Protein backbone atom coordinates (compact mmCIF):
# COMPACT_ATOMS: atom_id res chain seq x y z
CA MET A 1 -0.79 -12.30 -0.87
CA ALA A 2 2.28 -14.20 -0.18
CA LEU A 3 0.89 -16.89 -2.11
CA LEU A 4 0.09 -14.35 -4.83
CA MET A 5 3.83 -12.86 -4.70
CA THR A 6 5.05 -16.64 -4.44
CA ALA A 7 3.36 -17.68 -7.76
CA SER A 8 4.33 -14.11 -9.54
CA TRP A 9 8.00 -15.00 -8.29
CA ALA A 10 7.79 -18.64 -9.41
CA SER A 11 6.76 -18.07 -12.69
CA ALA A 12 9.02 -14.83 -13.33
CA SER A 13 11.71 -16.80 -12.45
CA SER A 14 10.93 -19.98 -14.67
CA ALA A 15 10.90 -17.52 -17.72
CA ALA A 16 13.98 -16.55 -19.81
CA PRO A 17 16.27 -14.41 -18.33
CA SER A 18 14.97 -11.14 -20.09
CA GLU A 19 11.44 -12.26 -19.28
CA ALA A 20 12.38 -12.34 -15.87
CA GLY A 21 10.50 -10.18 -13.35
CA LYS A 22 8.35 -8.63 -16.31
CA ASP A 23 5.34 -10.49 -14.31
CA VAL A 24 6.22 -9.20 -10.87
CA LYS A 25 3.86 -6.16 -9.53
CA LYS A 26 5.31 -3.97 -7.15
CA ILE A 27 4.42 -3.36 -3.33
CA PRO A 28 3.04 -0.28 -2.49
CA MET A 29 5.03 2.09 -1.43
CA THR A 30 3.37 3.72 0.87
CA PHE A 31 0.16 3.46 3.26
CA GLY A 32 -1.97 5.26 1.36
CA ASP A 33 -1.23 3.73 -1.75
CA ALA A 34 -1.53 -0.05 -0.26
CA LEU A 35 -5.27 2.06 0.28
CA ASP A 36 -5.66 2.86 -3.30
CA ALA A 37 -5.01 -1.02 -4.22
CA LEU A 38 -7.32 -2.25 -2.15
CA ASP A 39 -9.59 0.18 -3.48
CA GLU A 40 -9.03 -1.69 -6.83
CA ASP A 41 -9.22 -5.41 -5.16
CA GLU A 42 -12.77 -6.96 -5.58
CA VAL A 43 -11.38 -9.99 -3.30
CA ILE A 44 -10.94 -8.23 -0.06
CA LYS A 45 -14.04 -6.28 -0.63
CA SER A 46 -16.57 -8.83 -1.25
CA ALA A 47 -14.72 -10.51 1.68
CA LEU A 48 -15.75 -7.86 3.91
CA PRO A 49 -19.82 -8.53 4.31
CA GLY A 50 -22.51 -5.36 4.43
CA ASP A 51 -20.74 -1.86 5.50
CA MET A 52 -17.52 -3.59 6.25
CA TRP A 53 -16.18 -2.31 3.70
CA ARG A 54 -17.05 1.05 4.30
CA VAL A 55 -16.62 1.53 7.64
CA PHE A 56 -13.28 -0.68 7.39
CA ARG A 57 -12.03 1.97 4.26
CA HIS A 58 -13.59 5.08 5.97
CA TYR A 59 -11.22 4.35 8.99
CA LYS A 60 -7.99 3.50 7.32
CA ARG A 61 -7.93 6.92 5.24
CA ASP A 62 -8.85 8.69 8.25
CA GLU A 63 -5.61 7.14 10.19
CA TRP A 64 -3.19 8.17 6.26
CA GLU A 65 -4.83 11.58 6.66
CA ARG A 66 -4.16 11.96 10.45
CA TYR A 67 -0.47 10.00 9.37
CA CYS A 68 0.03 12.44 7.23
CA ALA A 69 -0.50 15.48 9.16
CA GLU A 70 1.22 15.15 11.80
CA VAL A 71 4.66 16.89 12.88
CA THR A 72 7.10 14.50 14.18
CA ASP A 73 10.84 15.03 15.80
CA TRP A 74 12.28 15.01 12.61
CA ASP A 75 10.51 17.51 10.64
CA VAL A 76 11.29 20.04 13.82
CA LYS A 77 14.95 19.36 13.80
CA GLU A 78 15.08 19.57 10.18
CA TYR A 79 12.69 22.58 9.82
CA LEU A 80 12.42 24.27 12.71
CA ASP A 81 15.89 26.54 12.45
CA VAL A 82 15.22 27.65 8.56
CA LEU A 83 11.52 29.55 10.03
CA PRO A 84 11.60 33.41 9.60
């Protein structure tokens, strides 16, 4: 991934000033977005043999869903007083 980002940066930095940065892809902002990007990445999928990709994807999706369902201390402090 770092190599890909470096290559993108190098090609963008050597472009004309008005073209710089146009080929650079944004990194995912959440773990869920990163998992969505992995679903589209054939290199990663092909690197995990047999059912390994399916199992990995299942566990990571489950991890993300559990994280999203978690009530944090911040949630309690922010919203507990406004509940009826």
